[in-house]
Amino acid sequence: MNGPLEWIAAVGTMIAAALVAADLGRKVTGAGFVLFCAVALMWVVSGLTTDALPIAAMNAILLLINAWGVAIPAQPQEEEGHRPRREGGGTDRTPGRG
């Protein structure tokens, strides 16, 4: 488990982590998640071909999690201290409770 596939996967994992951690915007973070998916697949192949089943299993699960991160569109974030108005313009309190 010290061949070119593992080295490419290791370097790719570090680059993907840096892209996500840098939080340079949605496109860069998305690229990090796509790269995470690619290297997770490399780790699965490496683990299966070298009988390193824990590495293969862990990265198969990480592949699913990262694919979820790629597939689910980002939700707009609320500004800090700002709550969206409820329909009807009322407050968050239940009517009749002071």
N, C-alpha and C. Protein backbone atom coordinates (compact mmCIF):
# COMPACT_ATOMS: atom_id res chain seq x y z
N MET A 1 0.84 -1.19 0.00
CA MET A 1 0.00 0.00 0.00
C MET A 1 0.88 1.25 0.00
N ASN A 2 1.83 1.24 -0.91
CA ASN A 2 2.74 2.38 -1.02
C ASN A 2 3.03 2.67 -2.48
N GLY A 3 2.02 2.46 -3.33
CA GLY A 3 2.22 2.67 -4.75
C GLY A 3 1.74 4.04 -5.20
N PRO A 4 1.77 4.27 -6.50
CA PRO A 4 1.36 5.57 -7.03
C PRO A 4 -0.09 5.91 -6.75
N LEU A 5 -0.99 4.91 -6.78
CA LEU A 5 -2.40 5.17 -6.51
C LEU A 5 -2.59 5.74 -5.11
N GLU A 6 -1.91 5.16 -4.15
CA GLU A 6 -2.04 5.62 -2.76
C GLU A 6 -1.45 7.02 -2.58
N TRP A 7 -0.33 7.30 -3.26
CA TRP A 7 0.27 8.63 -3.15
C TRP A 7 -0.63 9.69 -3.79
N ILE A 8 -1.20 9.37 -4.95
CA ILE A 8 -2.12 10.32 -5.59
C ILE A 8 -3.34 10.54 -4.71
N ALA A 9 -3.87 9.46 -4.14
CA ALA A 9 -5.03 9.58 -3.26
C ALA A 9 -4.70 10.38 -2.00
N ALA A 10 -3.52 10.17 -1.45
CA ALA A 10 -3.13 10.90 -0.23
C ALA A 10 -2.97 12.39 -0.50
N VAL A 11 -2.29 12.73 -1.58
CA VAL A 11 -2.09 14.15 -1.92
C VAL A 11 -3.44 14.79 -2.27
N GLY A 12 -4.26 14.07 -3.03
CA GLY A 12 -5.59 14.57 -3.38
C GLY A 12 -6.46 14.81 -2.16
N THR A 13 -6.36 13.92 -1.18
CA THR A 13 -7.13 14.09 0.06
C THR A 13 -6.71 15.36 0.79
N MET A 14 -5.41 15.62 0.84
CA MET A 14 -4.93 16.83 1.51
C MET A 14 -5.37 18.09 0.77
N ILE A 15 -5.32 18.06 -0.55
CA ILE A 15 -5.76 19.22 -1.34
C ILE A 15 -7.27 19.44 -1.15
N ALA A 16 -8.04 18.37 -1.18
CA ALA A 16 -9.50 18.48 -0.99
C ALA A 16 -9.82 19.06 0.38
N ALA A 17 -9.13 18.59 1.41
CA ALA A 17 -9.35 19.11 2.75
C ALA A 17 -9.04 20.60 2.82
N ALA A 18 -7.96 21.01 2.17
CA ALA A 18 -7.60 22.43 2.17
C ALA A 18 -8.64 23.27 1.44
N LEU A 19 -9.17 22.77 0.32
CA LEU A 19 -10.18 23.51 -0.42
C LEU A 19 -11.46 23.70 0.40
N VAL A 20 -11.87 22.66 1.11
CA VAL A 20 -13.08 22.76 1.93
C VAL A 20 -12.83 23.64 3.14
N ALA A 21 -11.70 23.46 3.79
CA ALA A 21 -11.40 24.24 5.00
C ALA A 21 -11.19 25.72 4.71
N ALA A 22 -10.68 26.05 3.53
CA ALA A 22 -10.41 27.45 3.20
C ALA A 22 -11.68 28.27 3.07
N ASP A 23 -12.79 27.62 2.77
CA ASP A 23 -14.09 28.29 2.67
C ASP A 23 -13.98 29.53 1.77
N LEU A 24 -13.51 29.31 0.54
CA LEU A 24 -13.31 30.40 -0.41
C LEU A 24 -14.51 30.62 -1.32
N GLY A 25 -15.62 30.07 -0.96
CA GLY A 25 -16.83 30.22 -1.77
C GLY A 25 -17.39 28.87 -2.14
N ARG A 26 -18.61 28.91 -2.66
CA ARG A 26 -19.32 27.68 -2.97
C ARG A 26 -18.64 26.86 -4.05
N LYS A 27 -18.10 27.51 -5.08
CA LYS A 27 -17.48 26.77 -6.17
C LYS A 27 -16.22 26.05 -5.71
N VAL A 28 -15.40 26.73 -4.93
CA VAL A 28 -14.16 26.12 -4.44
C VAL A 28 -14.48 24.99 -3.46
N THR A 29 -15.42 25.23 -2.57
CA THR A 29 -15.81 24.18 -1.62
C THR A 29 -16.41 23.00 -2.37
N GLY A 30 -17.23 23.27 -3.38
CA GLY A 30 -17.80 22.20 -4.19
C GLY A 30 -16.73 21.40 -4.90
N ALA A 31 -15.70 22.10 -5.41
CA ALA A 31 -14.59 21.40 -6.06
C ALA A 31 -13.86 20.51 -5.06
N GLY A 32 -13.75 20.97 -3.83
CA GLY A 32 -13.14 20.15 -2.78
C GLY A 32 -13.94 18.88 -2.53
N PHE A 33 -15.27 18.99 -2.51
CA PHE A 33 -16.10 17.80 -2.30
C PHE A 33 -16.00 16.85 -3.49
N VAL A 34 -15.94 17.38 -4.71
CA VAL A 34 -15.79 16.53 -5.89
C VAL A 34 -14.45 15.79 -5.82
N LEU A 35 -13.40 16.52 -5.44
CA LEU A 35 -12.08 15.89 -5.30
C LEU A 35 -12.11 14.84 -4.20
N PHE A 36 -12.79 15.12 -3.08
CA PHE A 36 -12.94 14.12 -2.02
C PHE A 36 -13.59 12.85 -2.56
N CYS A 37 -14.59 13.00 -3.43
CA CYS A 37 -15.25 11.83 -4.01
C CYS A 37 -14.26 11.02 -4.86
N ALA A 38 -13.48 11.71 -5.67
CA ALA A 38 -12.52 11.02 -6.54
C ALA A 38 -11.47 10.26 -5.73
N VAL A 39 -10.93 10.91 -4.72
CA VAL A 39 -9.87 10.23 -3.95
C VAL A 39 -10.44 9.14 -3.06
N ALA A 40 -11.67 9.31 -2.60
CA ALA A 40 -12.29 8.24 -1.81
C ALA A 40 -12.44 6.99 -2.68
N LEU A 41 -12.82 7.19 -3.94
CA LEU A 41 -12.92 6.05 -4.85
C LEU A 41 -11.55 5.40 -5.05
N MET A 42 -10.50 6.22 -5.15
CA MET A 42 -9.15 5.66 -5.27
C MET A 42 -8.79 4.84 -4.04
N TRP A 43 -9.14 5.34 -2.85
CA TRP A 43 -8.85 4.60 -1.62
C TRP A 43 -9.63 3.30 -1.55
N VAL A 44 -10.86 3.31 -2.04
CA VAL A 44 -11.66 2.07 -2.06
C VAL A 44 -10.98 1.03 -2.95
N VAL A 45 -10.57 1.45 -4.15
CA VAL A 45 -9.88 0.53 -5.07
C VAL A 45 -8.59 0.02 -4.43
N SER A 46 -7.83 0.91 -3.85
CA SER A 46 -6.58 0.53 -3.20
C SER A 46 -6.83 -0.46 -2.06
N GLY A 47 -7.82 -0.16 -1.24
CA GLY A 47 -8.12 -1.05 -0.12
C GLY A 47 -8.57 -2.42 -0.56
N LEU A 48 -9.38 -2.47 -1.60
CA LEU A 48 -9.87 -3.77 -2.09
C LEU A 48 -8.78 -4.59 -2.77
N THR A 49 -7.86 -3.92 -3.45
CA THR A 49 -6.80 -4.65 -4.17
C THR A 49 -5.64 -5.05 -3.28
N THR A 50 -5.54 -4.48 -2.09
CA THR A 50 -4.44 -4.82 -1.19
C THR A 50 -4.93 -5.46 0.11
N ASP A 51 -6.17 -5.91 0.12
CA ASP A 51 -6.79 -6.53 1.30
C ASP A 51 -6.78 -5.63 2.53
N ALA A 52 -6.87 -4.33 2.32
CA ALA A 52 -7.00 -3.38 3.42
C ALA A 52 -8.48 -3.00 3.52
N LEU A 53 -9.28 -3.94 3.97
CA LEU A 53 -10.73 -3.74 3.98
C LEU A 53 -11.21 -2.59 4.86
N PRO A 54 -10.57 -2.33 6.01
CA PRO A 54 -11.02 -1.16 6.79
C PRO A 54 -10.88 0.15 6.01
N ILE A 55 -9.79 0.31 5.25
CA ILE A 55 -9.60 1.51 4.43
C ILE A 55 -10.68 1.58 3.36
N ALA A 56 -10.97 0.45 2.72
CA ALA A 56 -11.99 0.41 1.67
C ALA A 56 -13.36 0.74 2.24
N ALA A 57 -13.71 0.16 3.38
CA ALA A 57 -15.03 0.40 3.98
C ALA A 57 -15.18 1.85 4.42
N MET A 58 -14.16 2.38 5.09
CA MET A 58 -14.23 3.76 5.55
C MET A 58 -14.41 4.72 4.38
N ASN A 59 -13.66 4.50 3.32
CA ASN A 59 -13.74 5.42 2.19
C ASN A 59 -14.99 5.22 1.35
N ALA A 60 -15.57 4.03 1.38
CA ALA A 60 -16.86 3.84 0.72
C ALA A 60 -17.93 4.68 1.41
N ILE A 61 -17.89 4.71 2.74
CA ILE A 61 -18.84 5.53 3.50
C ILE A 61 -18.55 7.01 3.28
N LEU A 62 -17.28 7.39 3.30
CA LEU A 62 -16.92 8.79 3.04
C LEU A 62 -17.32 9.22 1.63
N LEU A 63 -17.23 8.30 0.68
CA LEU A 63 -17.65 8.60 -0.69
C LEU A 63 -19.13 8.94 -0.71
N LEU A 64 -19.96 8.18 0.00
CA LEU A 64 -21.39 8.48 0.06
C LEU A 64 -21.65 9.82 0.71
N ILE A 65 -20.96 10.10 1.81
CA ILE A 65 -21.15 11.37 2.51
C ILE A 65 -20.73 12.54 1.63
N ASN A 66 -19.60 12.43 0.97
CA ASN A 66 -19.12 13.52 0.11
C ASN A 66 -19.98 13.67 -1.14
N ALA A 67 -20.48 12.56 -1.67
CA ALA A 67 -21.39 12.66 -2.82
C ALA A 67 -22.67 13.38 -2.42
N TRP A 68 -23.11 13.16 -1.20
CA TRP A 68 -24.26 13.88 -0.67
C TRP A 68 -23.95 15.37 -0.62
N GLY A 69 -22.75 15.72 -0.19
CA GLY A 69 -22.32 17.12 -0.15
C GLY A 69 -22.29 17.76 -1.53
N VAL A 70 -21.98 16.98 -2.55
CA VAL A 70 -21.96 17.49 -3.91
C VAL A 70 -23.38 17.61 -4.46
N ALA A 71 -24.22 16.63 -4.18
CA ALA A 71 -25.54 16.55 -4.79
C ALA A 71 -26.57 17.49 -4.18
N ILE A 72 -26.47 17.74 -2.89
CA ILE A 72 -27.46 18.57 -2.22
C ILE A 72 -27.10 20.03 -2.42
N PRO A 73 -27.99 20.83 -3.02
CA PRO A 73 -27.66 22.25 -3.20
C PRO A 73 -27.57 22.96 -1.86
N ALA A 74 -26.66 23.90 -1.78
CA ALA A 74 -26.48 24.65 -0.54
C ALA A 74 -27.71 25.51 -0.28
N GLN A 75 -28.12 25.55 0.97
CA GLN A 75 -29.25 26.38 1.37
C GLN A 75 -28.73 27.78 1.69
N PRO A 76 -29.47 28.82 1.33
CA PRO A 76 -29.02 30.16 1.69
C PRO A 76 -28.94 30.30 3.20
N GLN A 77 -27.86 30.88 3.66
CA GLN A 77 -27.67 31.04 5.10
C GLN A 77 -28.33 32.33 5.56
N GLU A 78 -28.89 32.26 6.77
CA GLU A 78 -29.49 33.45 7.35
C GLU A 78 -28.40 34.33 7.92
N GLU A 79 -28.62 35.62 7.84
CA GLU A 79 -27.67 36.53 8.46
C GLU A 79 -27.76 36.39 9.96
N GLU A 80 -26.65 36.56 10.63
CA GLU A 80 -26.63 36.42 12.07
C GLU A 80 -27.52 37.47 12.73
N GLY A 81 -28.33 37.03 13.66
CA GLY A 81 -29.22 37.94 14.37
C GLY A 81 -30.49 38.26 13.61
N HIS A 82 -30.66 37.68 12.44
CA HIS A 82 -31.84 37.96 11.64
C HIS A 82 -32.67 36.69 11.52
N ARG A 83 -33.93 36.82 11.88
CA ARG A 83 -34.85 35.70 11.71
C ARG A 83 -35.83 36.07 10.61
N PRO A 84 -36.10 35.14 9.71
CA PRO A 84 -37.06 35.46 8.66
C PRO A 84 -38.43 35.72 9.24
N ARG A 85 -39.16 36.66 8.62
CA ARG A 85 -40.51 36.98 9.09
C ARG A 85 -41.44 35.83 8.78
N ARG A 86 -42.32 35.59 9.70
CA ARG A 86 -43.34 34.59 9.45
C ARG A 86 -44.43 35.18 8.59
N GLU A 87 -45.08 34.32 7.86
CA GLU A 87 -46.16 34.78 7.02
C GLU A 87 -47.23 35.41 7.89
N GLY A 88 -47.76 36.53 7.51
CA GLY A 88 -48.74 37.24 8.31
C GLY A 88 -48.11 38.34 9.13
N GLY A 89 -46.77 38.39 9.18
CA GLY A 89 -46.08 39.49 9.84
C GLY A 89 -46.09 39.45 11.35
N GLY A 90 -46.52 38.38 11.95
CA GLY A 90 -46.59 38.31 13.41
C GLY A 90 -45.26 38.03 14.05
N THR A 91 -45.27 37.80 15.33
CA THR A 91 -44.06 37.45 16.06
C THR A 91 -43.97 35.94 16.14
N ASP A 92 -42.91 35.48 16.80
CA ASP A 92 -42.72 34.04 16.95
C ASP A 92 -43.54 33.48 18.10
N ARG A 93 -44.19 34.32 18.86
CA ARG A 93 -44.95 33.84 20.02
C ARG A 93 -46.26 33.19 19.59
N THR A 94 -46.67 32.23 20.38
CA THR A 94 -47.97 31.60 20.14
C THR A 94 -49.05 32.57 20.62
N PRO A 95 -50.11 32.76 19.82
CA PRO A 95 -51.17 33.69 20.26
C PRO A 95 -51.75 33.28 21.60
N GLY A 96 -52.01 34.27 22.43
CA GLY A 96 -52.60 34.01 23.74
C GLY A 96 -51.60 33.75 24.83
N ARG A 97 -50.32 33.65 24.46
CA ARG A 97 -49.29 33.43 25.49
C ARG A 97 -48.44 34.70 25.56
N GLY A 98 -48.47 35.34 26.65
CA GLY A 98 -47.86 36.62 26.81
C GLY A 98 -46.45 36.73 26.82
